[in-house]
Amino acid sequence: MRKICVVGIGAGDPDHLTLQAAKAIGRTHVFFLLDKGEAKASLIELREGLIRHYGHPHKRIVEGRDPDRDRTPADYTGTVADWRHRRSLVLEELITEHLKDDEIGSILVWGDPSLYDSTIAILEEILQRGAIEFEYEVIPGISSVSALAAKHRIGLNRVGRPVQITTGRRLAEGWPEGVDDVVVMLDAQQAFTAHPDADIYWGAYVSTSDELLDAGRVSEVAERIVETRTEARERHGWIMDTYLLRRPDATGR
């Protein structure tokens, strides 16, 4: 039977690759890459570099076009569901055409496959349609959240207290109840600016050569982060940033 490996490759530094991930790349026959366009060519280049270094000589690389989606939709949940569905159709066609029985195919996932990534859900959707059969394995990777904490030399949680991972869209609705430490991803609207009394540990393109870091009381650094973020997004055509917001008066600081 066909097998798919969903391989977490870390947040951008090639040295983030685990031994388990390197071994999975080494036994892979076919790599499936979804092209996100010229602006995000660096994401493909990182994957191709890992494949060249760890893949066996007879590996094959198959590329498909990643479907476009509205980044500021009125119906966020519905838009994401539609995008995942169209992605699943692209990937299903690639697997059907290029992965033979008893071969191993791999999808190299930025960060960790379990954290804000759609690959697992897409593979489940393909299997539910029943047109092709395969088994799959998920190999964890170093997430942008872990990399951010390491770069700032902080713990994500404090003694006896929880930490919550959420999105900028959710944070814009208000600070989550019951937590004083909040990791925020996918924040296009810079929702942290509504919390001037919190401390922020921010990073963009973490663990890549384009890495940007900043930290401090939101009231003091928010304007600088917004300007840095805007300039970086214009320069690269895209941005991948994450931050930790921390209430400074919480027990356990």
Protein backbone atom coordinates (compact mmCIF):
# COMPACT_ATOMS: atom_id res chain seq x y z
CA MET A 1 0.00 0.00 0.00
CA ARG A 2 1.09 3.58 -0.60
CA LYS A 3 2.42 5.44 2.43
CA ILE A 4 2.59 9.18 3.09
CA CYS A 5 4.93 10.81 5.63
CA VAL A 6 3.90 14.23 6.92
CA VAL A 7 7.27 15.57 8.01
CA GLY A 8 7.70 18.60 10.24
CA ILE A 9 10.89 20.35 9.12
CA GLY A 10 11.12 23.12 11.71
CA ALA A 11 10.67 26.86 11.67
CA GLY A 12 13.26 27.72 9.03
CA ASP A 13 16.72 26.75 10.23
CA PRO A 14 17.90 23.59 8.39
CA ASP A 15 19.50 22.48 11.66
CA HIS A 16 15.99 22.17 13.15
CA LEU A 17 15.51 18.95 11.22
CA THR A 18 15.27 16.02 13.65
CA LEU A 19 16.96 12.67 13.11
CA GLN A 20 13.51 11.09 12.67
CA ALA A 21 12.65 13.61 9.96
CA ALA A 22 16.00 13.15 8.20
CA LYS A 23 15.49 9.37 8.14
CA ALA A 24 11.98 9.83 6.71
CA ILE A 25 13.33 12.05 3.94
CA GLY A 26 16.01 9.49 3.23
CA ARG A 27 13.54 6.67 2.60
CA THR A 28 11.09 8.75 0.55
CA HIS A 29 10.50 7.93 -3.13
CA VAL A 30 8.31 10.91 -4.04
CA PHE A 31 8.17 14.40 -2.51
CA PHE A 32 5.01 16.44 -2.98
CA LEU A 33 5.48 20.22 -3.05
CA LEU A 34 2.72 22.79 -3.40
CA ASP A 35 4.01 25.94 -5.07
CA LYS A 36 2.80 29.10 -3.30
CA GLY A 37 4.03 31.48 -6.00
CA GLU A 38 7.11 33.62 -6.53
CA ALA A 39 6.67 35.63 -3.30
CA LYS A 40 7.10 32.49 -1.18
CA ALA A 41 9.75 30.80 -3.33
CA SER A 42 12.07 30.70 -0.30
CA LEU A 43 9.72 28.21 1.37
CA ILE A 44 10.14 25.84 -1.59
CA GLU A 45 13.90 26.45 -1.68
CA LEU A 46 14.30 25.34 1.94
CA ARG A 47 12.42 22.12 1.26
CA GLU A 48 14.40 21.43 -1.92
CA GLY A 49 17.66 21.97 -0.03
CA LEU A 50 16.68 19.41 2.62
CA ILE A 51 15.64 16.96 -0.08
CA ARG A 52 18.96 17.33 -1.90
CA HIS A 53 20.92 16.84 1.31
CA TYR A 54 19.01 13.94 2.87
CA GLY A 55 17.10 12.32 0.00
CA HIS A 56 18.31 9.26 -1.85
CA PRO A 57 19.61 9.59 -5.45
CA HIS A 58 16.49 8.17 -7.12
CA LYS A 59 13.95 10.40 -5.36
CA ARG A 60 11.34 12.20 -7.40
CA ILE A 61 9.91 15.68 -6.77
CA VAL A 62 6.38 16.48 -7.91
CA GLU A 63 4.98 20.01 -7.74
CA GLY A 64 1.38 21.20 -7.77
CA ARG A 65 -0.08 24.68 -7.62
CA ASP A 66 -1.36 25.69 -4.19
CA PRO A 67 -4.89 27.11 -4.63
CA ASP A 68 -5.36 30.79 -3.88
CA ARG A 69 -7.64 31.93 -1.07
CA ASP A 70 -9.09 35.14 0.29
CA ARG A 71 -6.97 36.31 3.24
CA THR A 72 -9.62 38.69 4.59
CA PRO A 73 -12.91 36.80 4.09
CA ALA A 74 -16.28 37.60 5.63
CA ASP A 75 -16.79 33.89 6.32
CA TYR A 76 -13.39 32.78 7.61
CA THR A 77 -14.34 29.21 8.53
CA GLY A 78 -16.14 28.58 5.25
CA THR A 79 -13.33 30.10 3.20
CA VAL A 80 -10.69 27.93 4.90
CA ALA A 81 -12.83 24.82 4.44
CA ASP A 82 -13.19 25.55 0.72
CA TRP A 83 -9.45 26.17 0.38
CA ARG A 84 -8.64 22.89 2.13
CA HIS A 85 -11.05 21.06 -0.15
CA ARG A 86 -9.42 22.47 -3.30
CA ARG A 87 -6.01 21.67 -1.85
CA SER A 88 -7.09 18.10 -1.21
CA LEU A 89 -8.11 17.71 -4.86
CA VAL A 90 -4.69 18.89 -6.04
CA LEU A 91 -2.85 16.57 -3.66
CA GLU A 92 -5.11 13.61 -4.42
CA GLU A 93 -4.34 13.94 -8.13
CA LEU A 94 -0.60 14.12 -7.46
CA ILE A 95 -0.65 11.03 -5.22
CA THR A 96 -2.77 9.07 -7.69
CA GLU A 97 -0.57 9.89 -10.66
CA HIS A 98 2.90 9.77 -9.14
CA LEU A 99 3.00 7.46 -6.10
CA LYS A 100 3.12 3.76 -6.91
CA ASP A 101 1.92 0.94 -4.66
CA ASP A 102 4.46 0.18 -1.91
CA GLU A 103 6.21 3.54 -2.41
CA ILE A 104 6.63 6.25 0.22
CA GLY A 105 5.66 9.83 -0.48
CA SER A 106 6.46 12.75 1.80
CA ILE A 107 5.01 16.20 2.42
CA LEU A 108 7.46 18.52 4.14
CA VAL A 109 5.58 20.81 6.51
CA TRP A 110 6.90 24.10 7.85
CA GLY A 111 7.16 23.97 11.64
CA ASP A 112 5.10 21.20 13.21
CA PRO A 113 2.23 19.43 11.37
CA SER A 114 -0.02 19.54 14.44
CA LEU A 115 0.03 23.33 14.89
CA TYR A 116 -1.90 25.56 12.48
CA ASP A 117 -1.24 23.37 9.46
CA SER A 118 -3.88 21.76 7.25
CA THR A 119 -2.01 18.73 5.88
CA ILE A 120 -3.42 16.16 8.30
CA ALA A 121 -7.01 17.33 7.72
CA ILE A 122 -6.45 17.30 3.95
CA LEU A 123 -5.16 13.72 3.97
CA GLU A 124 -8.16 12.66 6.05
CA GLU A 125 -10.49 14.30 3.53
CA ILE A 126 -8.80 12.43 0.68
CA LEU A 127 -9.17 9.12 2.50
CA GLN A 128 -12.83 9.81 3.27
CA ARG A 129 -13.58 10.25 -0.44
CA GLY A 130 -12.30 6.71 -0.95
CA ALA A 131 -10.89 7.14 -4.46
CA ILE A 132 -7.38 6.11 -3.35
CA GLU A 133 -5.98 4.26 -0.37
CA PHE A 134 -2.85 4.97 1.62
CA GLU A 135 -1.61 4.99 5.19
CA TYR A 136 0.18 7.97 6.67
CA GLU A 137 2.56 8.85 9.48
CA VAL A 138 3.09 12.21 11.16
CA ILE A 139 6.59 13.23 12.21
CA PRO A 140 6.76 16.23 14.58
CA GLY A 141 8.94 19.25 14.00
CA ILE A 142 10.13 22.34 15.88
CA SER A 143 7.29 24.87 15.68
CA SER A 144 7.61 28.62 15.26
CA VAL A 145 6.24 28.90 18.81
CA SER A 146 9.09 26.85 20.26
CA ALA A 147 11.63 28.69 18.12
CA LEU A 148 10.26 32.06 19.26
CA ALA A 149 10.58 31.15 22.93
CA ALA A 150 14.13 29.91 22.40
CA LYS A 151 15.18 33.07 20.56
CA HIS A 152 13.84 35.28 23.38
CA ARG A 153 15.17 32.88 26.06
CA ILE A 154 11.82 32.64 27.81
CA GLY A 155 9.43 29.94 28.93
CA LEU A 156 6.03 29.89 27.27
CA ASN A 157 4.28 29.29 30.60
CA ARG A 158 4.94 30.33 34.18
CA VAL A 159 4.87 28.18 37.29
CA GLY A 160 1.44 26.71 37.89
CA ARG A 161 -0.18 28.76 35.13
CA PRO A 162 -1.51 27.79 31.68
CA VAL A 163 -0.59 29.22 28.31
CA GLN A 164 -3.03 29.49 25.41
CA ILE A 165 -2.27 29.44 21.68
CA THR A 166 -4.74 31.45 19.64
CA THR A 167 -5.05 33.65 16.55
CA GLY A 168 -5.05 37.38 16.00
CA ARG A 169 -8.68 37.12 14.94
CA ARG A 170 -9.59 35.64 18.33
CA LEU A 171 -7.43 38.06 20.30
CA ALA A 172 -9.21 40.96 18.58
CA GLU A 173 -12.39 39.74 20.29
CA GLY A 174 -10.76 40.11 23.72
CA TRP A 175 -8.11 38.60 25.96
CA PRO A 176 -8.90 34.89 26.58
CA GLU A 177 -10.35 34.16 30.00
CA GLY A 178 -8.35 32.25 32.59
CA VAL A 179 -4.88 32.81 31.12
CA ASP A 180 -2.20 35.45 31.49
CA ASP A 181 0.16 34.13 28.80
CA VAL A 182 -1.12 34.04 25.22
CA VAL A 183 0.76 32.93 22.11
CA VAL A 184 -0.72 34.54 19.02
CA MET A 185 -0.37 33.39 15.42
CA LEU A 186 -1.85 34.62 12.13
CA ASP A 187 -2.35 38.19 13.33
CA ALA A 188 -2.75 40.29 10.19
CA GLN A 189 -4.49 43.08 12.12
CA GLN A 190 -1.84 43.40 14.90
CA ALA A 191 -4.38 42.83 17.66
CA PHE A 192 -1.68 43.16 20.32
CA THR A 193 -1.91 46.96 20.04
CA ALA A 194 -5.18 46.83 22.03
CA HIS A 195 -3.26 45.56 25.10
CA PRO A 196 -0.75 48.32 25.95
CA ASP A 197 -0.06 47.07 29.49
CA ALA A 198 1.06 43.60 28.40
CA ASP A 199 4.61 42.51 27.63
CA ILE A 200 5.21 41.22 24.09
CA TYR A 201 7.87 38.89 22.70
CA TRP A 202 7.58 39.15 18.92
CA GLY A 203 9.35 37.46 16.04
CA ALA A 204 9.03 37.25 12.26
CA TYR A 205 10.71 34.76 9.91
CA VAL A 206 12.06 33.19 13.11
CA SER A 207 15.12 30.98 12.59
CA THR A 208 15.65 32.12 9.00
CA SER A 209 18.25 34.51 7.61
CA ASP A 210 15.53 37.21 7.55
CA GLU A 211 14.71 36.84 11.26
CA LEU A 212 13.31 39.87 13.09
CA LEU A 213 12.86 40.03 16.88
CA ASP A 214 11.53 42.62 19.31
CA ALA A 215 10.30 42.66 22.90
CA GLY A 216 9.07 45.00 25.60
CA ARG A 217 5.95 46.61 27.03
CA VAL A 218 3.36 46.90 24.24
CA SER A 219 2.85 50.59 24.95
CA GLU A 220 6.54 51.17 24.28
CA VAL A 221 7.26 48.88 21.32
CA ALA A 222 3.95 48.45 19.45
CA GLU A 223 4.56 51.26 16.97
CA ARG A 224 8.04 49.96 16.20
CA ILE A 225 6.79 46.41 15.68
CA VAL A 226 3.97 47.57 13.41
CA GLU A 227 6.41 49.59 11.29
CA THR A 228 8.92 46.75 11.13
CA ARG A 229 6.22 44.27 10.22
CA THR A 230 4.78 46.49 7.49
CA GLU A 231 8.18 47.14 5.92
CA ALA A 232 9.13 43.45 6.02
CA ARG A 233 5.87 42.35 4.45
CA GLU A 234 6.27 44.86 1.64
CA ARG A 235 9.85 43.76 1.03
CA HIS A 236 9.20 40.00 1.00
CA GLY A 237 5.61 39.96 -0.27
CA TRP A 238 4.55 37.88 2.75
CA ILE A 239 5.22 37.64 6.46
CA MET A 240 5.22 34.84 9.00
CA ASP A 241 5.23 36.20 12.55
CA THR A 242 4.31 34.98 16.02
CA TYR A 243 4.34 36.53 19.46
CA LEU A 244 3.77 35.87 23.15
CA LEU A 245 1.68 38.36 25.13
CA ARG A 246 2.20 38.28 28.88
CA ARG A 247 0.38 40.10 31.66
CA PRO A 248 3.21 41.42 33.83
CA ASP A 249 1.24 41.46 37.08
CA ALA A 250 0.30 37.77 36.97
CA THR A 251 1.28 35.45 39.82
CA GLY A 252 4.44 33.57 39.05
CA ARG A 253 6.40 36.21 37.16
